[in-house]
PDB file of N, CA and C in Angstrom:
ATOM      1  N   MET A   1      18.906 112.990  84.699  1.00  0.00           N
ATOM      2  CA  MET A   1      20.252 112.805  85.166  1.00  0.00           C
ATOM      3  C   MET A   1      20.216 111.935  86.427  1.00  0.00           C
ATOM      4  N   ALA A   2      21.045 110.917  86.495  1.00  0.00           N
ATOM      5  CA  ALA A   2      21.096 110.015  87.642  1.00  0.00           C
ATOM      6  C   ALA A   2      22.474 110.068  88.291  1.00  0.00           C
ATOM      7  N   ASN A   3      22.487 110.087  89.604  1.00  0.00           N
ATOM      8  CA  ASN A   3      23.715 110.042  90.383  1.00  0.00           C
ATOM      9  C   ASN A   3      23.634 108.865  91.334  1.00  0.00           C
ATOM     10  N   THR A   4      24.723 108.135  91.484  1.00  0.00           N
ATOM     11  CA  THR A   4      24.776 107.004  92.393  1.00  0.00           C
ATOM     12  C   THR A   4      25.420 107.449  93.694  1.00  0.00           C
ATOM     13  N   ILE A   5      24.907 106.947  94.814  1.00  0.00           N
ATOM     14  CA  ILE A   5      25.417 107.301  96.132  1.00  0.00           C
ATOM     15  C   ILE A   5      26.086 106.076  96.739  1.00  0.00           C
ATOM     16  N   TYR A   6      27.274 106.281  97.304  1.00  0.00           N
ATOM     17  CA  TYR A   6      28.045 105.199  97.915  1.00  0.00           C
ATOM     18  C   TYR A   6      28.293 105.499  99.382  1.00  0.00           C
ATOM     19  N   ASP A   7      28.408 104.447 100.194  1.00  0.00           N
ATOM     20  CA  ASP A   7      28.751 104.632 101.599  1.00  0.00           C
ATOM     21  C   ASP A   7      30.265 104.666 101.750  1.00  0.00           C
ATOM     22  N   ARG A   8      30.710 104.724 102.973  1.00  0.00           N
ATOM     23  CA  ARG A   8      32.153 104.832 103.242  1.00  0.00           C
ATOM     24  C   ARG A   8      32.944 103.610 102.802  1.00  0.00           C
ATOM     25  N   ASN A   9      32.247 102.475 102.625  1.00  0.00           N
ATOM     26  CA  ASN A   9      32.900 101.245 102.180  1.00  0.00           C
ATOM     27  C   ASN A   9      32.715 101.005 100.683  1.00  0.00           C
ATOM     28  N   SER A  10      32.337 102.043  99.966  1.00  0.00           N
ATOM     29  CA  SER A  10      32.137 102.011  98.511  1.00  0.00           C
ATOM     30  C   SER A  10      31.016 101.079  98.060  1.00  0.00           C
ATOM     31  N   ARG A  11      30.032 100.845  98.931  1.00  0.00           N
ATOM     32  CA  ARG A  11      28.851 100.071  98.548  1.00  0.00           C
ATOM     33  C   ARG A  11      27.778 101.017  98.051  1.00  0.00           C
ATOM     34  N   ASN A  12      27.090 100.619  96.996  1.00  0.00           N
ATOM     35  CA  ASN A  12      25.998 101.412  96.436  1.00  0.00           C
ATOM     36  C   ASN A  12      24.843 101.433  97.439  1.00  0.00           C
ATOM     37  N   ILE A  13      24.466 102.621  97.911  1.00  0.00           N
ATOM     38  CA  ILE A  13      23.358 102.719  98.862  1.00  0.00           C
ATOM     39  C   ILE A  13      22.171 103.487  98.295  1.00  0.00           C
ATOM     40  N   GLY A  14      22.286 103.974  97.057  1.00  0.00           N
ATOM     41  CA  GLY A  14      21.139 104.666  96.490  1.00  0.00           C
ATOM     42  C   GLY A  14      21.420 105.402  95.205  1.00  0.00           C
ATOM     43  N   LYS A  15      20.355 106.040  94.695  1.00  0.00           N
ATOM     44  CA  LYS A  15      20.422 106.825  93.459  1.00  0.00           C
ATOM     45  C   LYS A  15      19.584 108.074  93.616  1.00  0.00           C
ATOM     46  N   ILE A  16      20.002 109.113  92.917  1.00  0.00           N
ATOM     47  CA  ILE A  16      19.230 110.348  92.830  1.00  0.00           C
ATOM     48  C   ILE A  16      18.922 110.567  91.357  1.00  0.00           C
ATOM     49  N   ILE A  17      17.643 110.714  91.051  1.00  0.00           N
ATOM     50  CA  ILE A  17      17.227 110.924  89.664  1.00  0.00           C
ATOM     51  C   ILE A  17      16.374 112.179  89.589  1.00  0.00           C
ATOM     52  N   GLU A  18      16.797 113.128  88.750  1.00  0.00           N
ATOM     53  CA  GLU A  18      16.041 114.355  88.537  1.00  0.00           C
ATOM     54  C   GLU A  18      15.181 114.183  87.292  1.00  0.00           C
ATOM     55  N   SER A  19      13.885 114.459  87.447  1.00  0.00           N
ATOM     56  CA  SER A  19      12.987 114.367  86.300  1.00  0.00           C
ATOM     57  C   SER A  19      11.878 115.396  86.456  1.00  0.00           C
ATOM     58  N   GLY A  20      11.702 116.206  85.442  1.00  0.00           N
ATOM     59  CA  GLY A  20      10.688 117.248  85.517  1.00  0.00           C
ATOM     60  C   GLY A  20      11.008 118.213  86.634  1.00  0.00           C
ATOM     61  N   GLY A  21      10.040 118.499  87.471  1.00  0.00           N
ATOM     62  CA  GLY A  21      10.240 119.427  88.579  1.00  0.00           C
ATOM     63  C   GLY A  21      10.549 118.731  89.888  1.00  0.00           C
ATOM     64  N   ALA A  22      10.779 117.425  89.864  1.00  0.00           N
ATOM     65  CA  ALA A  22      11.018 116.679  91.102  1.00  0.00           C
ATOM     66  C   ALA A  22      12.369 115.979  91.069  1.00  0.00           C
ATOM     67  N   THR A  23      12.915 115.773  92.251  1.00  0.00           N
ATOM     68  CA  THR A  23      14.115 114.976  92.420  1.00  0.00           C
ATOM     69  C   THR A  23      13.726 113.759  93.242  1.00  0.00           C
ATOM     70  N   CYS A  24      13.928 112.567  92.680  1.00  0.00           N
ATOM     71  CA  CYS A  24      13.540 111.329  93.347  1.00  0.00           C
ATOM     72  C   CYS A  24      14.781 110.646  93.918  1.00  0.00           C
ATOM     73  N   TYR A  25      14.636 110.137  95.140  1.00  0.00           N
ATOM     74  CA  TYR A  25      15.719 109.470  95.844  1.00  0.00           C
ATOM     75  C   TYR A  25      15.358 107.999  96.021  1.00  0.00           C
ATOM     76  N   TYR A  26      16.277 107.117  95.662  1.00  0.00           N
ATOM     77  CA  TYR A  26      16.046 105.676  95.725  1.00  0.00           C
ATOM     78  C   TYR A  26      17.084 105.035  96.625  1.00  0.00           C
ATOM     79  N   ASP A  27      16.709 103.906  97.253  1.00  0.00           N
ATOM     80  CA  ASP A  27      17.675 103.168  98.053  1.00  0.00           C
ATOM     81  C   ASP A  27      18.505 102.266  97.155  1.00  0.00           C
ATOM     82  N   GLY A  28      19.373 101.453  97.729  1.00  0.00           N
ATOM     83  CA  GLY A  28      20.246 100.573  96.963  1.00  0.00           C
ATOM     84  C   GLY A  28      19.519  99.496  96.187  1.00  0.00           C
ATOM     85  N   ASN A  29      18.252  99.228  96.543  1.00  0.00           N
ATOM     86  CA  ASN A  29      17.443  98.235  95.836  1.00  0.00           C
ATOM     87  C   ASN A  29      16.462  98.874  94.868  1.00  0.00           C
ATOM     88  N   SER A  30      16.698 100.108  94.510  1.00  0.00           N
ATOM     89  CA  SER A  30      15.885 100.878  93.557  1.00  0.00           C
ATOM     90  C   SER A  30      14.452 101.115  94.015  1.00  0.00           C
ATOM     91  N   ARG A  31      14.217 101.154  95.331  1.00  0.00           N
ATOM     92  CA  ARG A  31      12.902 101.505  95.872  1.00  0.00           C
ATOM     93  C   ARG A  31      12.889 102.994  96.198  1.00  0.00           C
ATOM     94  N   LEU A  32      11.819 103.675  95.857  1.00  0.00           N
ATOM     95  CA  LEU A  32      11.678 105.097  96.140  1.00  0.00           C
ATOM     96  C   LEU A  32      11.647 105.306  97.648  1.00  0.00           C
ATOM     97  N   ILE A  33      12.506 106.205  98.147  1.00  0.00           N
ATOM     98  CA  ILE A  33      12.497 106.522  99.576  1.00  0.00           C
ATOM     99  C   ILE A  33      12.129 107.970  99.842  1.00  0.00           C
ATOM    100  N   GLY A  34      12.205 108.818  98.813  1.00  0.00           N
ATOM    101  CA  GLY A  34      11.859 110.214  99.009  1.00  0.00           C
ATOM    102  C   GLY A  34      11.778 110.972  97.707  1.00  0.00           C
ATOM    103  N   LYS A  35      11.104 112.130  97.785  1.00  0.00           N
ATOM    104  CA  LYS A  35      10.957 112.976  96.604  1.00  0.00           C
ATOM    105  C   LYS A  35      10.989 114.433  97.053  1.00  0.00           C
ATOM    106  N   ALA A  36      11.812 115.248  96.400  1.00  0.00           N
ATOM    107  CA  ALA A  36      11.903 116.674  96.698  1.00  0.00           C
ATOM    108  C   ALA A  36      11.158 117.446  95.613  1.00  0.00           C
ATOM    109  N   ILE A  37      10.256 118.326  96.052  1.00  0.00           N
ATOM    110  CA  ILE A  37       9.431 119.107  95.132  1.00  0.00           C
ATOM    111  C   ILE A  37       9.441 120.561  95.572  1.00  0.00           C
ATOM    112  N   LYS A  38       9.634 121.462  94.613  1.00  0.00           N
ATOM    113  CA  LYS A  38       9.615 122.897  94.882  1.00  0.00           C
ATOM    114  C   LYS A  38       8.182 123.346  95.101  1.00  0.00           C
ATOM    115  N   SER A  39       7.944 124.092  96.184  1.00  0.00           N
ATOM    116  CA  SER A  39       6.621 124.601  96.502  1.00  0.00           C
ATOM    117  C   SER A  39       6.770 126.062  96.930  1.00  0.00           C
ATOM    118  N   GLY A  40       6.536 126.969  95.999  1.00  0.00           N
ATOM    119  CA  GLY A  40       6.759 128.385  96.274  1.00  0.00           C
ATOM    120  C   GLY A  40       8.236 128.643  96.481  1.00  0.00           C
ATOM    121  N   SER A  41       8.589 129.242  97.622  1.00  0.00           N
ATOM    122  CA  SER A  41       9.998 129.499  97.919  1.00  0.00           C
ATOM    123  C   SER A  41      10.627 128.364  98.727  1.00  0.00           C
ATOM    124  N   TRP A  42       9.873 127.323  99.018  1.00  0.00           N
ATOM    125  CA  TRP A  42      10.344 126.182  99.791  1.00  0.00           C
ATOM    126  C   TRP A  42      10.651 124.995  98.898  1.00  0.00           C
ATOM    127  N   LEU A  43      11.597 124.181  99.314  1.00  0.00           N
ATOM    128  CA  LEU A  43      11.849 122.881  98.705  1.00  0.00           C
ATOM    129  C   LEU A  43      11.426 121.865  99.762  1.00  0.00           C
ATOM    130  N   CYS A  44      10.426 121.046  99.426  1.00  0.00           N
ATOM    131  CA  CYS A  44       9.830 120.115 100.389  1.00  0.00           C
ATOM    132  C   CYS A  44      10.252 118.688 100.091  1.00  0.00           C
ATOM    133  N   LEU A  45      10.571 117.939 101.124  1.00  0.00           N
ATOM    134  CA  LEU A  45      10.973 116.542 101.009  1.00  0.00           C
ATOM    135  C   LEU A  45       9.844 115.659 101.529  1.00  0.00           C
ATOM    136  N   TYR A  46       9.395 114.733 100.681  1.00  0.00           N
ATOM    137  CA  TYR A  46       8.321 113.807 101.031  1.00  0.00           C
ATOM    138  C   TYR A  46       8.875 112.382 101.028  1.00  0.00           C
ATOM    139  N   ASN A  47       8.307 111.512 101.860  1.00  0.00           N
ATOM    140  CA  ASN A  47       8.716 110.111 101.834  1.00  0.00           C
ATOM    141  C   ASN A  47       7.960 109.380 100.724  1.00  0.00           C
ATOM    142  N   ALA A  48       8.143 108.081 100.608  1.00  0.00           N
ATOM    143  CA  ALA A  48       7.517 107.296  99.538  1.00  0.00           C
ATOM    144  C   ALA A  48       5.999 107.281  99.656  1.00  0.00           C
ATOM    145  N   SER A  49       5.470 107.557 100.850  1.00  0.00           N
ATOM    146  CA  SER A  49       4.020 107.595 101.070  1.00  0.00           C
ATOM    147  C   SER A  49       3.451 109.007 100.918  1.00  0.00           C
ATOM    148  N   SER A  50       4.247 109.919 100.383  1.00  0.00           N
ATOM    149  CA  SER A  50       3.862 111.322 100.160  1.00  0.00           C
ATOM    150  C   SER A  50       3.613 112.093 101.454  1.00  0.00           C
ATOM    151  N   ARG A  51       4.247 111.694 102.533  1.00  0.00           N
ATOM    152  CA  ARG A  51       4.163 112.423 103.799  1.00  0.00           C
ATOM    153  C   ARG A  51       5.349 113.369 103.895  1.00  0.00           C
ATOM    154  N   LEU A  52       5.093 114.620 104.295  1.00  0.00           N
ATOM    155  CA  LEU A  52       6.153 115.616 104.430  1.00  0.00           C
ATOM    156  C   LEU A  52       7.137 115.194 105.508  1.00  0.00           C
ATOM    157  N   ILE A  53       8.429 115.171 105.145  1.00  0.00           N
ATOM    158  CA  ILE A  53       9.491 114.833 106.096  1.00  0.00           C
ATOM    159  C   ILE A  53      10.182 116.104 106.569  1.00  0.00           C
ATOM    160  N   ALA A  54      10.540 116.962 105.602  1.00  0.00           N
ATOM    161  CA  ALA A  54      11.293 118.173 105.917  1.00  0.00           C
ATOM    162  C   ALA A  54      11.104 119.191 104.802  1.00  0.00           C
ATOM    163  N   LYS A  55      11.502 120.425 105.100  1.00  0.00           N
ATOM    164  CA  LYS A  55      11.475 121.474 104.082  1.00  0.00           C
ATOM    165  C   LYS A  55      12.633 122.422 104.335  1.00  0.00           C
ATOM    166  N   THR A  56      13.084 123.075 103.270  1.00  0.00           N
ATOM    167  CA  THR A  56      14.197 124.000 103.394  1.00  0.00           C
ATOM    168  C   THR A  56      13.909 125.261 102.600  1.00  0.00           C
ATOM    169  N   ASP A  57      14.437 126.366 103.108  1.00  0.00           N
ATOM    170  CA  ASP A  57      14.371 127.628 102.383  1.00  0.00           C
ATOM    171  C   ASP A  57      15.725 127.946 101.765  1.00  0.00           C
ATOM    172  N   GLY A  58      16.640 126.999 101.851  1.00  0.00           N
ATOM    173  CA  GLY A  58      17.996 127.170 101.334  1.00  0.00           C
ATOM    174  C   GLY A  58      18.982 127.538 102.427  1.00  0.00           C
ATOM    175  N   ASN A  59      18.517 128.238 103.451  1.00  0.00           N
ATOM    176  CA  ASN A  59      19.379 128.639 104.564  1.00  0.00           C
ATOM    177  C   ASN A  59      19.291 127.676 105.739  1.00  0.00           C
ATOM    178  N   ASN A  60      18.100 127.152 105.992  1.00  0.00           N
ATOM    179  CA  ASN A  60      17.856 126.243 107.107  1.00  0.00           C
ATOM    180  C   ASN A  60      16.935 125.125 106.665  1.00  0.00           C
ATOM    181  N   THR A  61      17.003 123.990 107.376  1.00  0.00           N
ATOM    182  CA  THR A  61      16.103 122.870 107.122  1.00  0.00           C
ATOM    183  C   THR A  61      15.214 122.704 108.352  1.00  0.00           C
ATOM    184  N   TYR A  62      13.930 122.464 108.097  1.00  0.00           N
ATOM    185  CA  TYR A  62      12.931 122.327 109.147  1.00  0.00           C
ATOM    186  C   TYR A  62      12.261 120.963 109.035  1.00  0.00           C
ATOM    187  N   ASP A  63      11.857 120.391 110.170  1.00  0.00           N
ATOM    188  CA  ASP A  63      11.150 119.120 110.134  1.00  0.00           C
ATOM    189  C   ASP A  63       9.688 119.351 109.775  1.00  0.00           C
ATOM    190  N   SER A  64       8.876 118.297 109.802  1.00  0.00           N
ATOM    191  CA  SER A  64       7.475 118.413 109.392  1.00  0.00           C
ATOM    192  C   SER A  64       6.645 119.262 110.354  1.00  0.00           C
ATOM    193  N   ASN A  65       7.186 119.521 111.552  1.00  0.00           N
ATOM    194  CA  ASN A  65       6.508 120.373 112.534  1.00  0.00           C
ATOM    195  C   ASN A  65       7.083 121.788 112.560  1.00  0.00           C
ATOM    196  N   SER A  66       7.841 122.140 111.525  1.00  0.00           N
ATOM    197  CA  SER A  66       8.453 123.472 111.359  1.00  0.00           C
ATOM    198  C   SER A  66       9.500 123.809 112.415  1.00  0.00           C
ATOM    199  N   ARG A  67      10.105 122.781 113.025  1.00  0.00           N
ATOM    200  CA  ARG A  67      11.217 123.022 113.952  1.00  0.00           C
ATOM    201  C   ARG A  67      12.525 123.007 113.164  1.00  0.00           C
ATOM    202  N   ASN A  68      13.385 123.951 113.439  1.00  0.00           N
ATOM    203  CA  ASN A  68      14.674 124.044 112.765  1.00  0.00           C
ATOM    204  C   ASN A  68      15.540 122.866 113.187  1.00  0.00           C
ATOM    205  N   ILE A  69      16.032 122.087 112.190  1.00  0.00           N
ATOM    206  CA  ILE A  69      16.886 120.941 112.504  1.00  0.00           C
ATOM    207  C   ILE A  69      18.326 121.139 112.046  1.00  0.00           C
ATOM    208  N   GLY A  70      18.598 122.251 111.374  1.00  0.00           N
ATOM    209  CA  GLY A  70      19.976 122.516 110.967  1.00  0.00           C
ATOM    210  C   GLY A  70      20.083 123.568 109.898  1.00  0.00           C
ATOM    211  N   ARG A  71      21.322 123.960 109.622  1.00  0.00           N
ATOM    212  CA  ARG A  71      21.591 124.980 108.613  1.00  0.00           C
ATOM    213  C   ARG A  71      21.817 124.338 107.259  1.00  0.00           C
ATOM    214  N   GLY A  72      21.358 125.006 106.220  1.00  0.00           N
ATOM    215  CA  GLY A  72      21.534 124.516 104.862  1.00  0.00           C
ATOM    216  C   GLY A  72      20.503 123.461 104.502  1.00  0.00           C
ATOM    217  N   ASN A  73      20.689 122.839 103.340  1.00  0.00           N
ATOM    218  CA  ASN A  73      19.797 121.790 102.858  1.00  0.00           C
ATOM    219  C   ASN A  73      20.324 120.444 103.359  1.00  0.00           C
ATOM    220  N   LEU A  74      19.601 119.806 104.261  1.00  0.00           N
ATOM    221  CA  LEU A  74      20.033 118.551 104.871  1.00  0.00           C
ATOM    222  C   LEU A  74      19.301 117.335 104.327  1.00  0.00           C
ATOM    223  N   PHE A  75      18.635 117.464 103.181  1.00  0.00           N
ATOM    224  CA  PHE A  75      17.836 116.367 102.640  1.00  0.00           C
ATOM    225  C   PHE A  75      18.658 115.095 102.441  1.00  0.00           C
ATOM    226  N   LEU A  76      19.852 115.215 101.860  1.00  0.00           N
ATOM    227  CA  LEU A  76      20.666 114.016 101.625  1.00  0.00           C
ATOM    228  C   LEU A  76      21.106 113.381 102.930  1.00  0.00           C
ATOM    229  N   LYS A  77      21.426 114.168 103.926  1.00  0.00           N
ATOM    230  CA  LYS A  77      21.837 113.629 105.222  1.00  0.00           C
ATOM    231  C   LYS A  77      20.665 112.931 105.910  1.00  0.00           C
ATOM    232  N   ILE A  78      19.437 113.429 105.700  1.00  0.00           N
ATOM    233  CA  ILE A  78      18.259 112.790 106.277  1.00  0.00           C
ATOM    234  C   ILE A  78      18.022 111.430 105.623  1.00  0.00           C
ATOM    235  N   LEU A  79      18.089 111.375 104.295  1.00  0.00           N
ATOM    236  CA  LEU A  79      17.776 110.147 103.569  1.00  0.00           C
ATOM    237  C   LEU A  79      18.924 109.135 103.551  1.00  0.00           C
ATOM    238  N   TYR A  80      20.155 109.633 103.522  1.00  0.00           N
ATOM    239  CA  TYR A  80      21.325 108.759 103.422  1.00  0.00           C
ATOM    240  C   TYR A  80      22.316 109.095 104.549  1.00  0.00           C
ATOM    241  N   PRO A  81      22.035 108.668 105.775  1.00  0.00           N
ATOM    242  CA  PRO A  81      22.926 109.025 106.882  1.00  0.00           C
ATOM    243  C   PRO A  81      24.335 108.445 106.757  1.00  0.00           C
ATOM    244  N   ASP A  82      24.517 107.373 106.006  1.00  0.00           N
ATOM    245  CA  ASP A  82      25.837 106.759 105.856  1.00  0.00           C
ATOM    246  C   ASP A  82      26.535 107.152 104.560  1.00  0.00           C
ATOM    247  N   MET A  83      26.035 108.193 103.910  1.00  0.00           N
ATOM    248  CA  MET A  83      26.579 108.604 102.609  1.00  0.00           C
ATOM    249  C   MET A  83      28.024 109.076 102.744  1.00  0.00           C
ATOM    250  N   ALA A  84      28.837 108.673 101.798  1.00  0.00           N
ATOM    251  CA  ALA A  84      30.215 109.129 101.741  1.00  0.00           C
ATOM    252  C   ALA A  84      30.463 109.967 100.499  1.00  0.00           C
ATOM    253  N   LYS A  85      29.908 109.546  99.355  1.00  0.00           N
ATOM    254  CA  LYS A  85      30.144 110.286  98.126  1.00  0.00           C
ATOM    255  C   LYS A  85      29.033 110.029  97.121  1.00  0.00           C
ATOM    256  N   ILE A  86      28.920 110.955  96.191  1.00  0.00           N
ATOM    257  CA  ILE A  86      27.950 110.841  95.095  1.00  0.00           C
ATOM    258  C   ILE A  86      28.735 110.862  93.799  1.00  0.00           C
ATOM    259  N   ILE A  87      28.421 109.914  92.920  1.00  0.00           N
ATOM    260  CA  ILE A  87      29.070 109.886  91.598  1.00  0.00           C
ATOM    261  C   ILE A  87      27.984 109.887  90.548  1.00  0.00           C
TER     262      ILE A  87
END
């Protein structure tokens, strides 16, 4: 399943594609920018170089150093700061 992400000016800024056990995030030029993978009770977000960016337990999101950066799953806000809507 693929979803397109648009900014506030209705420009395509990325895509989200779910395949297997991973969710892949792409920029507007179809380059991989991140991948979310379930690991135990955590959902971990990795960049295109497979480096851990953030993780969430569903209630809070933590950075790669386990510091709390906010409530809920903030993966989309981390990867697409200018996101307005997903279609």
